[in-house]
C-alpha atoms as a PDB file:
ATOM      1  CA  MET A   1     -22.791  15.353  -4.343  1.00  0.00           C
ATOM      2  CA  LYS A   2     -20.137  13.857  -6.700  1.00  0.00           C
ATOM      3  CA  LEU A   3     -18.492  16.319  -9.162  1.00  0.00           C
ATOM      4  CA  SER A   4     -15.833  15.863 -11.751  1.00  0.00           C
ATOM      5  CA  GLU A   5     -12.721  17.925 -11.813  1.00  0.00           C
ATOM      6  CA  PHE A   6     -14.023  20.076 -14.550  1.00  0.00           C
ATOM      7  CA  GLU A   7     -17.461  20.471 -12.741  1.00  0.00           C
ATOM      8  CA  LEU A   8     -15.465  21.558  -9.677  1.00  0.00           C
ATOM      9  CA  GLU A   9     -13.597  24.122 -11.686  1.00  0.00           C
ATOM     10  CA  VAL A  10     -16.840  25.462 -13.124  1.00  0.00           C
ATOM     11  CA  ILE A  11     -18.560  25.702  -9.788  1.00  0.00           C
ATOM     12  CA  ASN A  12     -15.676  27.343  -8.186  1.00  0.00           C
ATOM     13  CA  LEU A  13     -15.654  29.933 -10.986  1.00  0.00           C
ATOM     14  CA  MET A  14     -19.243  30.426 -10.396  1.00  0.00           C
ATOM     15  CA  TRP A  15     -18.793  31.076  -6.671  1.00  0.00           C
ATOM     16  CA  GLU A  16     -16.136  33.563  -7.596  1.00  0.00           C
ATOM     17  CA  LEU A  17     -18.323  35.427 -10.158  1.00  0.00           C
ATOM     18  CA  LYS A  18     -21.640  35.083  -8.165  1.00  0.00           C
ATOM     19  CA  GLU A  19     -23.524  34.783 -11.544  1.00  0.00           C
ATOM     20  CA  SER A  20     -22.687  34.277 -15.073  1.00  0.00           C
ATOM     21  CA  THR A  21     -23.835  33.140 -18.526  1.00  0.00           C
ATOM     22  CA  ALA A  22     -22.565  30.068 -20.456  1.00  0.00           C
ATOM     23  CA  PRO A  23     -20.754  32.252 -22.975  1.00  0.00           C
ATOM     24  CA  ALA A  24     -19.024  34.296 -20.226  1.00  0.00           C
ATOM     25  CA  LEU A  25     -18.045  31.129 -18.372  1.00  0.00           C
ATOM     26  CA  HIS A  26     -16.631  29.688 -21.666  1.00  0.00           C
ATOM     27  CA  GLN A  27     -14.534  32.860 -22.167  1.00  0.00           C
ATOM     28  CA  GLU A  28     -13.176  32.647 -18.694  1.00  0.00           C
ATOM     29  CA  ILE A  29     -12.279  29.034 -18.800  1.00  0.00           C
ATOM     30  CA  CYS A  30     -10.595  29.394 -22.157  1.00  0.00           C
ATOM     31  CA  LYS A  31      -8.039  31.641 -20.421  1.00  0.00           C
ATOM     32  CA  THR A  32      -6.627  28.523 -18.872  1.00  0.00           C
ATOM     33  CA  LYS A  33      -7.993  25.578 -20.996  1.00  0.00           C
ATOM     34  CA  ASN A  34      -8.702  24.900 -24.652  1.00  0.00           C
ATOM     35  CA  VAL A  35     -12.243  23.768 -24.464  1.00  0.00           C
ATOM     36  CA  THR A  36     -15.232  24.127 -26.768  1.00  0.00           C
ATOM     37  CA  TYR A  37     -18.358  26.116 -25.827  1.00  0.00           C
ATOM     38  CA  SER A  38     -20.418  22.890 -26.165  1.00  0.00           C
ATOM     39  CA  THR A  39     -18.145  21.178 -23.527  1.00  0.00           C
ATOM     40  CA  VAL A  40     -18.701  24.066 -21.046  1.00  0.00           C
ATOM     41  CA  LYS A  41     -22.461  24.110 -21.767  1.00  0.00           C
ATOM     42  CA  THR A  42     -22.569  20.382 -21.075  1.00  0.00           C
ATOM     43  CA  ILE A  43     -20.872  20.896 -17.678  1.00  0.00           C
ATOM     44  CA  ILE A  44     -23.307  23.614 -16.931  1.00  0.00           C
ATOM     45  CA  ASP A  45     -26.185  21.476 -17.684  1.00  0.00           C
ATOM     46  CA  ARG A  46     -24.859  18.726 -15.539  1.00  0.00           C
ATOM     47  CA  LEU A  47     -24.288  21.140 -12.653  1.00  0.00           C
ATOM     48  CA  GLU A  48     -27.947  22.399 -12.969  1.00  0.00           C
ATOM     49  CA  LYS A  49     -29.221  18.759 -13.076  1.00  0.00           C
ATOM     50  CA  LYS A  50     -27.249  18.038  -9.893  1.00  0.00           C
ATOM     51  CA  SER A  51     -28.807  21.281  -8.427  1.00  0.00           C
ATOM     52  CA  ALA A  52     -25.360  22.870  -7.819  1.00  0.00           C
ATOM     53  CA  ILE A  53     -26.331  25.827 -10.043  1.00  0.00           C
ATOM     54  CA  LYS A  54     -29.755  27.429 -10.908  1.00  0.00           C
ATOM     55  CA  ARG A  55     -31.108  29.694 -13.555  1.00  0.00           C
ATOM     56  CA  ILE A  56     -31.816  33.221 -12.191  1.00  0.00           C
ATOM     57  CA  LYS A  57     -32.844  35.241 -15.279  1.00  0.00           C
ATOM     58  CA  ASN A  58     -32.817  35.344 -18.954  1.00  0.00           C
ATOM     59  CA  TYR A  59     -31.627  37.956 -21.524  1.00  0.00           C
ATOM     60  CA  GLY A  60     -33.434  36.761 -24.589  1.00  0.00           C
ATOM     61  CA  ARG A  61     -32.115  33.217 -25.223  1.00  0.00           C
ATOM     62  CA  THR A  62     -29.124  33.797 -22.905  1.00  0.00           C
ATOM     63  CA  ILE A  63     -29.579  32.239 -19.416  1.00  0.00           C
ATOM     64  CA  VAL A  64     -27.863  33.672 -16.399  1.00  0.00           C
ATOM     65  CA  TYR A  65     -26.788  31.058 -13.821  1.00  0.00           C
ATOM     66  CA  ALA A  66     -25.844  31.393 -10.158  1.00  0.00           C
ATOM     67  CA  PRO A  67     -24.606  28.938  -7.560  1.00  0.00           C
ATOM     68  CA  ALA A  68     -27.496  27.046  -5.813  1.00  0.00           C
ATOM     69  CA  ILE A  69     -25.204  25.565  -3.095  1.00  0.00           C
ATOM     70  CA  GLU A  70     -22.814  27.177  -0.621  1.00  0.00           C
ATOM     71  CA  GLN A  71     -19.172  26.647  -1.183  1.00  0.00           C
ATOM     72  CA  SER A  72     -18.700  25.221   2.313  1.00  0.00           C
ATOM     73  CA  SER A  73     -21.468  22.609   1.942  1.00  0.00           C
ATOM     74  CA  LEU A  74     -19.498  21.145  -0.964  1.00  0.00           C
ATOM     75  CA  GLN A  75     -15.911  21.693   0.403  1.00  0.00           C
ATOM     76  CA  LYS A  76     -16.343  19.984   3.839  1.00  0.00           C
ATOM     77  CA  PRO A  77     -17.372  16.480   2.357  1.00  0.00           C
ATOM     78  CA  LEU A  78     -14.701  16.850  -0.333  1.00  0.00           C
ATOM     79  CA  ILE A  79     -11.929  17.508   2.057  1.00  0.00           C
ATOM     80  CA  LYS A  80     -13.074  14.510   4.271  1.00  0.00           C
ATOM     81  CA  THR A  81     -13.020  12.338   1.223  1.00  0.00           C
ATOM     82  CA  PHE A  82      -9.686  13.680   0.288  1.00  0.00           C
ATOM     83  CA  ILE A  83      -8.277  12.918   3.890  1.00  0.00           C
ATOM     84  CA  SER A  84      -9.735   9.467   3.609  1.00  0.00           C
ATOM     85  CA  LYS A  85      -8.473   8.572   0.248  1.00  0.00           C
ATOM     86  CA  VAL A  86      -5.125  10.510  -0.017  1.00  0.00           C
ATOM     87  CA  CYS A  87      -4.048  10.591   3.646  1.00  0.00           C
ATOM     88  CA  ALA A  88      -5.379   7.129   4.544  1.00  0.00           C
ATOM     89  CA  GLY A  89      -7.819   8.842   6.975  1.00  0.00           C
ATOM     90  CA  ASN A  90      -5.107  10.615   8.839  1.00  0.00           C
ATOM     91  CA  PRO A  91      -5.572  14.424   9.006  1.00  0.00           C
ATOM     92  CA  ARG A  92      -1.970  14.865  10.437  1.00  0.00           C
ATOM     93  CA  LEU A  93      -0.539  14.037   7.063  1.00  0.00           C
ATOM     94  CA  LEU A  94      -2.556  16.896   5.446  1.00  0.00           C
ATOM     95  CA  LEU A  95      -1.637  19.159   8.419  1.00  0.00           C
ATOM     96  CA  ASN A  96       2.100  18.219   8.174  1.00  0.00           C
ATOM     97  CA  HIS A  97       2.080  18.792   4.439  1.00  0.00           C
ATOM     98  CA  LEU A  98       0.539  22.192   4.779  1.00  0.00           C
ATOM     99  CA  LEU A  99       2.887  23.293   7.615  1.00  0.00           C
ATOM    100  CA  GLU A 100       6.116  21.803   6.150  1.00  0.00           C
ATOM    101  CA  ASP A 101       5.684  21.970   2.325  1.00  0.00           C
ATOM    102  CA  GLU A 102       3.486  24.874   1.584  1.00  0.00           C
ATOM    103  CA  LYS A 103       4.383  28.503   1.724  1.00  0.00           C
ATOM    104  CA  LEU A 104       2.097  29.943   4.342  1.00  0.00           C
ATOM    105  CA  SER A 105       2.003  33.658   4.978  1.00  0.00           C
ATOM    106  CA  ASP A 106       2.017  35.192   8.453  1.00  0.00           C
ATOM    107  CA  ASP A 107      -1.702  35.737   8.103  1.00  0.00           C
ATOM    108  CA  ASP A 108      -2.174  32.056   7.258  1.00  0.00           C
ATOM    109  CA  LEU A 109      -0.141  31.108  10.305  1.00  0.00           C
ATOM    110  CA  ALA A 110      -2.049  33.441  12.625  1.00  0.00           C
ATOM    111  CA  TYR A 111      -5.295  32.081  11.329  1.00  0.00           C
ATOM    112  CA  LEU A 112      -4.156  28.518  12.035  1.00  0.00           C
ATOM    113  CA  GLN A 113      -2.996  29.544  15.488  1.00  0.00           C
ATOM    114  CA  SER A 114      -6.340  31.145  16.243  1.00  0.00           C
ATOM    115  CA  VAL A 115      -8.221  27.963  15.120  1.00  0.00           C
ATOM    116  CA  LEU A 116      -5.859  25.920  17.370  1.00  0.00           C
ATOM    117  CA  ASP A 117      -6.520  28.282  20.351  1.00  0.00           C
ATOM    118  CA  LYS A 118     -10.297  27.839  19.920  1.00  0.00           C
ATOM    119  CA  ARG A 119     -10.018  24.082  19.786  1.00  0.00           C
ATOM    120  CA  LYS A 120      -8.098  23.924  23.243  1.00  0.00           C
END
C-alpha cells in the first residue's frame, strides 16, 4: 500500500486514537499543521478507499473511523523500502545511524540487546 506523508501522518494518528471522527482528526492535526477541514477529509476518504481505515459507526451525519490495518503490516514494508532507497539496501547504515547518532535510552539499548541475543 502506497501512502503519502500526510496519509501516513493521519493513519499514525488513527492508530494512536483507536477511533475518531473527521472533525476530531482535523482538530488534532491543526495542533501541528495549518490545514483545512476539507484537506483532512480528502485524506480520510483516500485512506478509506485504500482500505487503511473503515467506518465503524455514525452519530447522525458524523462518521466514526477506525484503523482497518495493523500498524506492523504497514510499517514493515515501509521500513524495507526505506532501507532500499535511503540506505542503498544496506541495513547496517540504518543500524549505525541509530546507534551512533540517535539518543537511545537504556531501555532502548536493552531492547536492542535482547533482539540481538534472540538472533544469535
